[in-house]
Amino acid sequence: MNILIVDDERLPLESLKRTVKSVCEKAEDATILGFMKPGDALEYAQSLNKTGMSPVDLAFLDIEMAGMNGLELAKKLKELNGKINVVFTTGYSEYALDAHAMYASGYLMKPVSESAVMEVMDNLRHPGSLSLKERIRVQTFGNFEIYADNKPLNFSRSKTKELLAYLVLRRGARCSNNELTAVIWESKIDSAALQSQFRHLVFDLRNTLQSVNAEDILVKQRGYIAIVPDNISCDMYDFIDAGSGTLKNYIGEFMSQYSWAESTNAYLEKMI
C-alpha cells in the first residue's frame, strides 16, 4: 500500500507521518512517504504510473499549501488513479463542502489524532485498494478471532470459525476432509451425515469470506482445503518467523477455546 502525506509545514507533516506509521504498523507492505512540496508528491505519483508500479492508494493532503493547494493536488492524483483514497487535513472547516464534492475518504481537522486516522482508514471509499494481507488480520493468541478491515468477522456457525482456526494453524498445509472432520468432531464416528455437515461448514466459510471480499485466503481442491498464509496477517506467523522471545503479544494462551490447540500452545511456550 502506497501512502502519501503532503503538508508544506514540517512539524505537522512529521507528526502525521508518525501517526499514520503507528496505525499501519501491522501492514507489512505499507510504504509511507511525506512531501513538503505538492509538486514533488505529484512527480512521485506520476513516476509510479510510468514504471508500472502500484499507484498511490491513499493520500493525506493539507488543503492550504503554497503553489498548489490540496484540492488541486487531489484532482491531479485522481487523474492518475481514479480509486485513490484522499483524506484532507486542515485547520479550517470551511473547505468541508469542497472536500465532499471531490468524494474524499475523509476530512480531518488538525491536530490529527491516531484514533481519527484509524477511523478514516477503517472506512475508506475504496477499501479494495488495500492488499488482502493488510485487510485480513488473524488473532491466535488468547481466543481465536479474525478481522476484516479491522472489524470482527461473524460466522453463522461456531464450527465454521473452528474450521478456519484449524486451517490457520496448519499454515498452508493441505488438509483433507477426513482430517478436518476428525479434528472438529473428535468424538463422532465418520458418517454420511457428518460429511454432509462438513460440506455445509465449507459452504458457510466460503460465503462468509466472500461477503468481505476475502475468499482468496483459501485454496480448495477436491477433497482438500488450505489457507493461503501470504494473504493474511497473523500474530502466530509473526511470532514464529521473528524468533524466540522477540514479540510480546504471546502471553501463554493460544486459541484458548479449542482443545486441539493445546499442543501448539506448549510448543510456543518453549520458544519464549
C-alpha atoms as a PDB file:
ATOM      1  CA  MET A   1       0.000   0.000   0.000  1.00  0.00           C
ATOM      2  CA  ASN A   2       1.458   3.361  -1.052  1.00  0.00           C
ATOM      3  CA  ILE A   3       0.568   6.262   1.244  1.00  0.00           C
ATOM      4  CA  LEU A   4       1.392   9.910   0.584  1.00  0.00           C
ATOM      5  CA  ILE A   5       1.367  12.648   3.212  1.00  0.00           C
ATOM      6  CA  VAL A   6       1.668  16.193   1.892  1.00  0.00           C
ATOM      7  CA  ASP A   7       1.945  19.292   4.046  1.00  0.00           C
ATOM      8  CA  ASP A   8       4.094  22.360   3.411  1.00  0.00           C
ATOM      9  CA  GLU A   9       4.827  22.739   7.133  1.00  0.00           C
ATOM     10  CA  ARG A  10       7.408  20.335   8.539  1.00  0.00           C
ATOM     11  CA  LEU A  11       6.072  19.854  12.084  1.00  0.00           C
ATOM     12  CA  PRO A  12       2.514  18.844  11.043  1.00  0.00           C
ATOM     13  CA  LEU A  13       3.986  16.681   8.280  1.00  0.00           C
ATOM     14  CA  GLU A  14       6.306  14.747  10.613  1.00  0.00           C
ATOM     15  CA  SER A  15       3.601  14.448  13.258  1.00  0.00           C
ATOM     16  CA  LEU A  16       1.110  12.948  10.807  1.00  0.00           C
ATOM     17  CA  LYS A  17       3.758  10.589   9.394  1.00  0.00           C
ATOM     18  CA  ARG A  18       4.392   9.204  12.862  1.00  0.00           C
ATOM     19  CA  THR A  19       0.666   8.820  13.491  1.00  0.00           C
ATOM     20  CA  VAL A  20       0.000   7.013  10.200  1.00  0.00           C
ATOM     21  CA  LYS A  21       3.001   4.720  10.728  1.00  0.00           C
ATOM     22  CA  SER A  22       1.688   3.831  14.167  1.00  0.00           C
ATOM     23  CA  VAL A  23      -1.748   2.950  12.752  1.00  0.00           C
ATOM     24  CA  CYS A  24      -0.188   0.969   9.885  1.00  0.00           C
ATOM     25  CA  GLU A  25       2.409  -0.922  11.917  1.00  0.00           C
ATOM     26  CA  LYS A  26       0.624  -4.242  11.220  1.00  0.00           C
ATOM     27  CA  ALA A  27       0.652  -3.615   7.460  1.00  0.00           C
ATOM     28  CA  GLU A  28       3.990  -5.024   6.330  1.00  0.00           C
ATOM     29  CA  ASP A  29       3.596  -3.794   2.764  1.00  0.00           C
ATOM     30  CA  ALA A  30       2.815  -0.169   3.637  1.00  0.00           C
ATOM     31  CA  THR A  31       5.110   2.490   2.131  1.00  0.00           C
ATOM     32  CA  ILE A  32       4.611   5.896   3.753  1.00  0.00           C
ATOM     33  CA  LEU A  33       6.252   8.945   2.197  1.00  0.00           C
ATOM     34  CA  GLY A  34       5.967  12.584   3.180  1.00  0.00           C
ATOM     35  CA  PHE A  35       6.429  15.639   0.956  1.00  0.00           C
ATOM     36  CA  MET A  36       6.519  19.338   1.777  1.00  0.00           C
ATOM     37  CA  LYS A  37       6.130  20.349  -1.855  1.00  0.00           C
ATOM     38  CA  PRO A  38       2.918  19.282  -3.650  1.00  0.00           C
ATOM     39  CA  GLY A  39       4.778  19.215  -6.968  1.00  0.00           C
ATOM     40  CA  ASP A  40       7.265  16.681  -5.632  1.00  0.00           C
ATOM     41  CA  ALA A  41       4.421  14.463  -4.409  1.00  0.00           C
ATOM     42  CA  LEU A  42       2.768  14.639  -7.821  1.00  0.00           C
ATOM     43  CA  GLU A  43       6.031  13.759  -9.582  1.00  0.00           C
ATOM     44  CA  TYR A  44       6.422  10.715  -7.340  1.00  0.00           C
ATOM     45  CA  ALA A  45       2.878   9.544  -8.133  1.00  0.00           C
ATOM     46  CA  GLN A  46       3.498  10.064 -11.863  1.00  0.00           C
ATOM     47  CA  SER A  47       6.730   8.063 -11.667  1.00  0.00           C
ATOM     48  CA  LEU A  48       4.833   5.086 -10.228  1.00  0.00           C
ATOM     49  CA  ASN A  49       2.445   5.161 -13.171  1.00  0.00           C
ATOM     50  CA  LYS A  50       5.234   5.464 -15.730  1.00  0.00           C
ATOM     51  CA  THR A  51       7.160   2.490 -14.345  1.00  0.00           C
ATOM     52  CA  GLY A  52       4.057   0.312 -13.982  1.00  0.00           C
ATOM     53  CA  MET A  53       4.412   0.079 -10.200  1.00  0.00           C
ATOM     54  CA  SER A  54       1.486   0.075  -7.766  1.00  0.00           C
ATOM     55  CA  PRO A  55      -0.127   3.536  -7.691  1.00  0.00           C
ATOM     56  CA  VAL A  56      -0.702   5.725  -4.657  1.00  0.00           C
ATOM     57  CA  ASP A  57      -3.570   4.131  -2.708  1.00  0.00           C
ATOM     58  CA  LEU A  58      -4.068   6.751  -0.005  1.00  0.00           C
ATOM     59  CA  ALA A  59      -3.112  10.422   0.244  1.00  0.00           C
ATOM     60  CA  PHE A  60      -3.343  12.688   3.286  1.00  0.00           C
ATOM     61  CA  LEU A  61      -3.317  16.207   1.850  1.00  0.00           C
ATOM     62  CA  ASP A  62      -3.148  19.537   3.620  1.00  0.00           C
ATOM     63  CA  ILE A  63      -5.515  21.958   1.888  1.00  0.00           C
ATOM     64  CA  GLU A  64      -3.784  25.299   2.435  1.00  0.00           C
ATOM     65  CA  MET A  65      -0.436  24.965   0.616  1.00  0.00           C
ATOM     66  CA  ALA A  66       1.612  27.370  -1.448  1.00  0.00           C
ATOM     67  CA  GLY A  67       1.792  26.902  -5.209  1.00  0.00           C
ATOM     68  CA  MET A  68      -0.703  24.038  -5.482  1.00  0.00           C
ATOM     69  CA  ASN A  69      -3.293  23.564  -2.770  1.00  0.00           C
ATOM     70  CA  GLY A  70      -4.573  20.191  -1.592  1.00  0.00           C
ATOM     71  CA  LEU A  71      -7.766  20.321  -3.640  1.00  0.00           C
ATOM     72  CA  GLU A  72      -5.795  20.906  -6.850  1.00  0.00           C
ATOM     73  CA  LEU A  73      -3.328  18.151  -5.991  1.00  0.00           C
ATOM     74  CA  ALA A  74      -6.191  15.738  -5.258  1.00  0.00           C
ATOM     75  CA  LYS A  75      -7.660  16.327  -8.729  1.00  0.00           C
ATOM     76  CA  LYS A  76      -4.325  15.537 -10.376  1.00  0.00           C
ATOM     77  CA  LEU A  77      -3.810  12.415  -8.246  1.00  0.00           C
ATOM     78  CA  LYS A  78      -7.293  11.194  -9.140  1.00  0.00           C
ATOM     79  CA  GLU A  79      -6.415  11.554 -12.827  1.00  0.00           C
ATOM     80  CA  LEU A  80      -3.555   9.097 -12.221  1.00  0.00           C
ATOM     81  CA  ASN A  81      -5.601   6.682 -10.128  1.00  0.00           C
ATOM     82  CA  GLY A  82      -9.375   7.009 -10.079  1.00  0.00           C
ATOM     83  CA  LYS A  83      -9.604   4.801  -6.984  1.00  0.00           C
ATOM     84  CA  ILE A  84      -7.167   6.710  -4.824  1.00  0.00           C
ATOM     85  CA  ASN A  85      -8.413   7.436  -1.306  1.00  0.00           C
ATOM     86  CA  VAL A  86      -7.945  11.126  -0.490  1.00  0.00           C
ATOM     87  CA  VAL A  87      -8.096  12.392   3.077  1.00  0.00           C
ATOM     88  CA  PHE A  88      -7.863  16.148   3.576  1.00  0.00           C
ATOM     89  CA  THR A  89      -6.187  17.567   6.666  1.00  0.00           C
ATOM     90  CA  THR A  90      -6.655  21.187   7.591  1.00  0.00           C
ATOM     91  CA  GLY A  91      -7.115  23.692  10.374  1.00  0.00           C
ATOM     92  CA  TYR A  92     -10.041  25.303   8.556  1.00  0.00           C
ATOM     93  CA  SER A  93     -13.565  23.879   8.460  1.00  0.00           C
ATOM     94  CA  GLU A  94     -14.765  25.984   5.520  1.00  0.00           C
ATOM     95  CA  TYR A  95     -13.323  23.534   2.974  1.00  0.00           C
ATOM     96  CA  ALA A  96     -15.529  20.638   4.073  1.00  0.00           C
ATOM     97  CA  LEU A  97     -18.055  21.090   1.242  1.00  0.00           C
ATOM     98  CA  ASP A  98     -15.274  21.234  -1.375  1.00  0.00           C
ATOM     99  CA  ALA A  99     -13.801  18.028   0.037  1.00  0.00           C
ATOM    100  CA  HIS A 100     -17.202  16.325  -0.026  1.00  0.00           C
ATOM    101  CA  ALA A 101     -17.707  17.345  -3.667  1.00  0.00           C
ATOM    102  CA  MET A 102     -14.481  15.517  -4.529  1.00  0.00           C
ATOM    103  CA  TYR A 103     -15.738  12.281  -2.899  1.00  0.00           C
ATOM    104  CA  ALA A 104     -12.956  12.373  -0.357  1.00  0.00           C
ATOM    105  CA  SER A 105     -12.496   9.445   2.009  1.00  0.00           C
ATOM    106  CA  GLY A 106     -12.093  11.783   4.957  1.00  0.00           C
ATOM    107  CA  TYR A 107     -11.723  15.321   6.244  1.00  0.00           C
ATOM    108  CA  LEU A 108      -9.609  15.653   9.394  1.00  0.00           C
ATOM    109  CA  MET A 109      -9.084  18.734  11.497  1.00  0.00           C
ATOM    110  CA  LYS A 110      -5.583  19.426  12.784  1.00  0.00           C
ATOM    111  CA  PRO A 111      -4.012  18.322  15.011  1.00  0.00           C
ATOM    112  CA  VAL A 112      -4.832  14.846  13.674  1.00  0.00           C
ATOM    113  CA  SER A 113      -5.186  12.137  16.317  1.00  0.00           C
ATOM    114  CA  GLU A 114      -4.360   8.439  15.941  1.00  0.00           C
ATOM    115  CA  SER A 115      -7.989   7.494  16.568  1.00  0.00           C
ATOM    116  CA  ALA A 116      -9.125   9.823  13.766  1.00  0.00           C
ATOM    117  CA  VAL A 117      -6.641   8.258  11.325  1.00  0.00           C
ATOM    118  CA  MET A 118      -7.700   4.761  12.388  1.00  0.00           C
ATOM    119  CA  GLU A 119     -11.374   5.580  11.887  1.00  0.00           C
ATOM    120  CA  VAL A 120     -10.860   7.061   8.441  1.00  0.00           C
ATOM    121  CA  MET A 121      -8.718   4.092   7.338  1.00  0.00           C
ATOM    122  CA  ASP A 122     -11.423   1.717   8.521  1.00  0.00           C
ATOM    123  CA  ASN A 123     -13.935   3.480   6.270  1.00  0.00           C
ATOM    124  CA  LEU A 124     -12.034   4.224   3.070  1.00  0.00           C
ATOM    125  CA  ARG A 125     -14.114   4.959  -0.010  1.00  0.00           C
ATOM    126  CA  HIS A 126     -12.081   2.402  -1.970  1.00  0.00           C
ATOM    127  CA  PRO A 127     -11.027  -0.289   0.539  1.00  0.00           C
ATOM    128  CA  GLY A 128     -10.261  -2.683  -2.313  1.00  0.00           C
ATOM    129  CA  SER A 129      -7.055  -0.751  -2.930  1.00  0.00           C
ATOM    130  CA  LEU A 130      -5.638  -2.302   0.239  1.00  0.00           C
ATOM    131  CA  SER A 131      -3.831  -5.610  -0.149  1.00  0.00           C
ATOM    132  CA  LEU A 132      -5.596  -8.681   1.195  1.00  0.00           C
ATOM    133  CA  LYS A 133      -2.901  -9.166   3.821  1.00  0.00           C
ATOM    134  CA  GLU A 134      -3.455  -5.618   5.061  1.00  0.00           C
ATOM    135  CA  ARG A 135      -7.214  -6.169   5.233  1.00  0.00           C
ATOM    136  CA  ILE A 136      -7.369  -9.582   6.910  1.00  0.00           C
ATOM    137  CA  ARG A 137      -5.884  -9.911  10.393  1.00  0.00           C
ATOM    138  CA  VAL A 138      -5.931 -13.135  12.389  1.00  0.00           C
ATOM    139  CA  GLN A 139      -5.515 -13.259  16.158  1.00  0.00           C
ATOM    140  CA  THR A 140      -4.488 -16.611  17.611  1.00  0.00           C
ATOM    141  CA  PHE A 141      -3.036 -15.518  20.971  1.00  0.00           C
ATOM    142  CA  GLY A 142      -5.785 -15.748  23.547  1.00  0.00           C
ATOM    143  CA  ASN A 143      -9.009 -16.644  21.765  1.00  0.00           C
ATOM    144  CA  PHE A 144      -9.063 -17.119  18.001  1.00  0.00           C
ATOM    145  CA  GLU A 145     -10.516 -14.161  16.116  1.00  0.00           C
ATOM    146  CA  ILE A 146     -10.354 -12.939  12.534  1.00  0.00           C
ATOM    147  CA  TYR A 147     -10.829  -9.315  11.450  1.00  0.00           C
ATOM    148  CA  ALA A 148     -11.706  -7.940   8.029  1.00  0.00           C
ATOM    149  CA  ASP A 149     -10.918  -4.245   7.683  1.00  0.00           C
ATOM    150  CA  ASN A 150     -10.439  -4.141  11.481  1.00  0.00           C
ATOM    151  CA  LYS A 151     -13.948  -5.462  12.149  1.00  0.00           C
ATOM    152  CA  PRO A 152     -14.557  -8.917  13.688  1.00  0.00           C
ATOM    153  CA  LEU A 153     -15.813 -11.428  11.151  1.00  0.00           C
ATOM    154  CA  ASN A 154     -19.064 -13.051  12.290  1.00  0.00           C
ATOM    155  CA  PHE A 155     -19.858 -16.673  11.486  1.00  0.00           C
ATOM    156  CA  SER A 156     -23.341 -18.172  11.496  1.00  0.00           C
ATOM    157  CA  ARG A 157     -21.928 -21.440  12.902  1.00  0.00           C
ATOM    158  CA  SER A 158     -19.299 -21.792  15.622  1.00  0.00           C
ATOM    159  CA  LYS A 159     -17.890 -24.865  13.862  1.00  0.00           C
ATOM    160  CA  THR A 160     -17.227 -22.748  10.761  1.00  0.00           C
ATOM    161  CA  LYS A 161     -14.989 -20.485  12.809  1.00  0.00           C
ATOM    162  CA  GLU A 162     -13.256 -23.528  14.290  1.00  0.00           C
ATOM    163  CA  LEU A 163     -12.642 -24.920  10.803  1.00  0.00           C
ATOM    164  CA  LEU A 164     -10.921 -21.700   9.784  1.00  0.00           C
ATOM    165  CA  ALA A 165      -8.903 -21.657  13.009  1.00  0.00           C
ATOM    166  CA  TYR A 166      -7.504 -25.119  12.309  1.00  0.00           C
ATOM    167  CA  LEU A 167      -6.611 -24.159   8.733  1.00  0.00           C
ATOM    168  CA  VAL A 168      -4.733 -21.133  10.090  1.00  0.00           C
ATOM    169  CA  LEU A 169      -2.866 -23.418  12.497  1.00  0.00           C
ATOM    170  CA  ARG A 170      -1.808 -25.673   9.601  1.00  0.00           C
ATOM    171  CA  ARG A 171      -0.339 -22.627   7.811  1.00  0.00           C
ATOM    172  CA  GLY A 172      -0.847 -23.575   4.176  1.00  0.00           C
ATOM    173  CA  ALA A 173      -0.643 -27.353   4.552  1.00  0.00           C
ATOM    174  CA  ARG A 174      -3.346 -29.151   2.593  1.00  0.00           C
ATOM    175  CA  CYS A 175      -5.932 -30.579   4.987  1.00  0.00           C
ATOM    176  CA  SER A 176      -8.118 -33.448   3.829  1.00  0.00           C
ATOM    177  CA  ASN A 177     -11.827 -33.517   4.542  1.00  0.00           C
ATOM    178  CA  ASN A 178     -11.302 -36.580   6.755  1.00  0.00           C
ATOM    179  CA  GLU A 179      -8.618 -34.805   8.800  1.00  0.00           C
ATOM    180  CA  LEU A 180     -10.821 -31.772   9.315  1.00  0.00           C
ATOM    181  CA  THR A 181     -13.915 -33.711  10.355  1.00  0.00           C
ATOM    182  CA  ALA A 182     -11.820 -35.773  12.803  1.00  0.00           C
ATOM    183  CA  VAL A 183     -10.498 -32.589  14.425  1.00  0.00           C
ATOM    184  CA  ILE A 184     -13.764 -30.679  14.585  1.00  0.00           C
ATOM    185  CA  TRP A 185     -15.947 -33.614  15.632  1.00  0.00           C
ATOM    186  CA  GLU A 186     -13.359 -35.607  17.555  1.00  0.00           C
ATOM    187  CA  SER A 187     -15.895 -37.703  19.465  1.00  0.00           C
ATOM    188  CA  LYS A 188     -18.088 -38.603  16.488  1.00  0.00           C
ATOM    189  CA  ILE A 189     -17.681 -41.525  14.120  1.00  0.00           C
ATOM    190  CA  ASP A 190     -17.355 -40.575  10.464  1.00  0.00           C
ATOM    191  CA  SER A 191     -20.601 -40.999   8.546  1.00  0.00           C
ATOM    192  CA  ALA A 192     -22.504 -39.670   5.551  1.00  0.00           C
ATOM    193  CA  ALA A 193     -24.404 -37.321   7.864  1.00  0.00           C
ATOM    194  CA  LEU A 194     -21.147 -35.968   9.297  1.00  0.00           C
ATOM    195  CA  GLN A 195     -19.717 -35.388   5.820  1.00  0.00           C
ATOM    196  CA  SER A 196     -22.899 -33.528   4.920  1.00  0.00           C
ATOM    197  CA  GLN A 197     -22.459 -31.272   7.965  1.00  0.00           C
ATOM    198  CA  PHE A 198     -18.867 -30.664   6.932  1.00  0.00           C
ATOM    199  CA  ARG A 199     -19.894 -29.597   3.437  1.00  0.00           C
ATOM    200  CA  HIS A 200     -22.297 -27.106   4.983  1.00  0.00           C
ATOM    201  CA  LEU A 201     -19.425 -25.695   7.049  1.00  0.00           C
ATOM    202  CA  VAL A 202     -17.249 -25.262   3.967  1.00  0.00           C
ATOM    203  CA  PHE A 203     -20.131 -23.588   2.135  1.00  0.00           C
ATOM    204  CA  ASP A 204     -20.710 -21.267   5.096  1.00  0.00           C
ATOM    205  CA  LEU A 205     -16.996 -20.450   5.347  1.00  0.00           C
ATOM    206  CA  ARG A 206     -16.687 -19.549   1.678  1.00  0.00           C
ATOM    207  CA  ASN A 207     -19.843 -17.411   1.774  1.00  0.00           C
ATOM    208  CA  THR A 208     -18.664 -15.587   4.892  1.00  0.00           C
ATOM    209  CA  LEU A 209     -15.289 -14.802   3.324  1.00  0.00           C
ATOM    210  CA  GLN A 210     -16.906 -13.755   0.038  1.00  0.00           C
ATOM    211  CA  SER A 211     -19.092 -11.287   1.947  1.00  0.00           C
ATOM    212  CA  VAL A 212     -15.931  -9.315   2.839  1.00  0.00           C
ATOM    213  CA  ASN A 213     -14.076  -9.991  -0.447  1.00  0.00           C
ATOM    214  CA  ALA A 214     -11.619 -12.314   1.288  1.00  0.00           C
ATOM    215  CA  GLU A 215     -12.297 -15.642  -0.435  1.00  0.00           C
ATOM    216  CA  ASP A 216      -8.724 -15.655  -1.743  1.00  0.00           C
ATOM    217  CA  ILE A 217      -7.326 -16.528   1.682  1.00  0.00           C
ATOM    218  CA  LEU A 218      -8.487 -20.106   0.956  1.00  0.00           C
ATOM    219  CA  VAL A 219      -7.481 -22.690  -1.613  1.00  0.00           C
ATOM    220  CA  LYS A 220      -9.948 -25.533  -2.145  1.00  0.00           C
ATOM    221  CA  GLN A 221      -9.265 -28.600  -4.245  1.00  0.00           C
ATOM    222  CA  ARG A 222     -11.193 -31.832  -4.474  1.00  0.00           C
ATOM    223  CA  GLY A 223     -11.032 -33.347  -1.002  1.00  0.00           C
ATOM    224  CA  TYR A 224      -8.600 -30.732   0.385  1.00  0.00           C
ATOM    225  CA  ILE A 225      -8.620 -27.221   1.788  1.00  0.00           C
ATOM    226  CA  ALA A 226      -5.742 -24.923   2.800  1.00  0.00           C
ATOM    227  CA  ILE A 227      -5.212 -21.380   3.992  1.00  0.00           C
ATOM    228  CA  VAL A 228      -3.000 -19.055   1.928  1.00  0.00           C
ATOM    229  CA  PRO A 229      -0.561 -17.746   4.575  1.00  0.00           C
ATOM    230  CA  ASP A 230       0.696 -14.862   2.442  1.00  0.00           C
ATOM    231  CA  ASN A 231      -2.829 -13.448   2.222  1.00  0.00           C
ATOM    232  CA  ILE A 232      -3.354 -12.894   5.951  1.00  0.00           C
ATOM    233  CA  SER A 233      -1.633 -11.071   8.775  1.00  0.00           C
ATOM    234  CA  CYS A 234      -1.298 -13.475  11.708  1.00  0.00           C
ATOM    235  CA  ASP A 235       0.271 -12.966  15.134  1.00  0.00           C
ATOM    236  CA  MET A 236       1.369 -16.618  15.343  1.00  0.00           C
ATOM    237  CA  TYR A 237       3.155 -16.471  11.992  1.00  0.00           C
ATOM    238  CA  ASP A 238       4.908 -13.247  13.019  1.00  0.00           C
ATOM    239  CA  PHE A 239       5.937 -14.765  16.352  1.00  0.00           C
ATOM    240  CA  ILE A 240       7.411 -17.903  14.804  1.00  0.00           C
ATOM    241  CA  ASP A 241       9.145 -16.060  11.959  1.00  0.00           C
ATOM    242  CA  ALA A 242      10.639 -13.411  14.241  1.00  0.00           C
ATOM    243  CA  GLY A 243      12.220 -15.952  16.581  1.00  0.00           C
ATOM    244  CA  SER A 244      12.299 -16.712  20.270  1.00  0.00           C
ATOM    245  CA  GLY A 245      11.125 -14.016  22.659  1.00  0.00           C
ATOM    246  CA  THR A 246      11.054 -11.196  20.116  1.00  0.00           C
ATOM    247  CA  LEU A 247       7.333 -10.473  20.316  1.00  0.00           C
ATOM    248  CA  LYS A 248       5.441  -9.622  23.477  1.00  0.00           C
ATOM    249  CA  ASN A 249       1.882 -10.349  22.313  1.00  0.00           C
ATOM    250  CA  TYR A 250       2.020 -14.008  23.314  1.00  0.00           C
ATOM    251  CA  ILE A 251       1.006 -14.361  26.973  1.00  0.00           C
ATOM    252  CA  GLY A 252       0.796 -18.138  27.268  1.00  0.00           C
ATOM    253  CA  GLU A 253      -2.568 -18.654  25.594  1.00  0.00           C
ATOM    254  CA  PHE A 254      -3.177 -19.873  22.054  1.00  0.00           C
ATOM    255  CA  MET A 255      -6.632 -20.381  20.517  1.00  0.00           C
ATOM    256  CA  SER A 256      -7.887 -20.961  24.035  1.00  0.00           C
ATOM    257  CA  GLN A 257     -11.373 -22.092  23.022  1.00  0.00           C
ATOM    258  CA  TYR A 258     -10.098 -25.174  21.143  1.00  0.00           C
ATOM    259  CA  SER A 259      -8.724 -28.262  22.881  1.00  0.00           C
ATOM    260  CA  TRP A 260      -6.779 -29.389  19.803  1.00  0.00           C
ATOM    261  CA  ALA A 261      -4.622 -26.225  20.083  1.00  0.00           C
ATOM    262  CA  GLU A 262      -3.104 -27.233  23.442  1.00  0.00           C
ATOM    263  CA  SER A 263      -0.073 -28.978  21.928  1.00  0.00           C
ATOM    264  CA  THR A 264       0.767 -25.911  19.846  1.00  0.00           C
ATOM    265  CA  ASN A 265       0.441 -23.744  22.932  1.00  0.00           C
ATOM    266  CA  ALA A 266       3.030 -25.920  24.669  1.00  0.00           C
ATOM    267  CA  TYR A 267       5.346 -25.555  21.663  1.00  0.00           C
ATOM    268  CA  LEU A 268       5.011 -21.755  21.681  1.00  0.00           C
ATOM    269  CA  GLU A 269       5.774 -21.589  25.405  1.00  0.00           C
ATOM    270  CA  LYS A 270       9.118 -23.279  24.738  1.00  0.00           C
ATOM    271  CA  MET A 271      10.002 -20.502  22.286  1.00  0.00           C
ATOM    272  CA  ILE A 272       9.797 -17.747  24.885  1.00  0.00           C
END
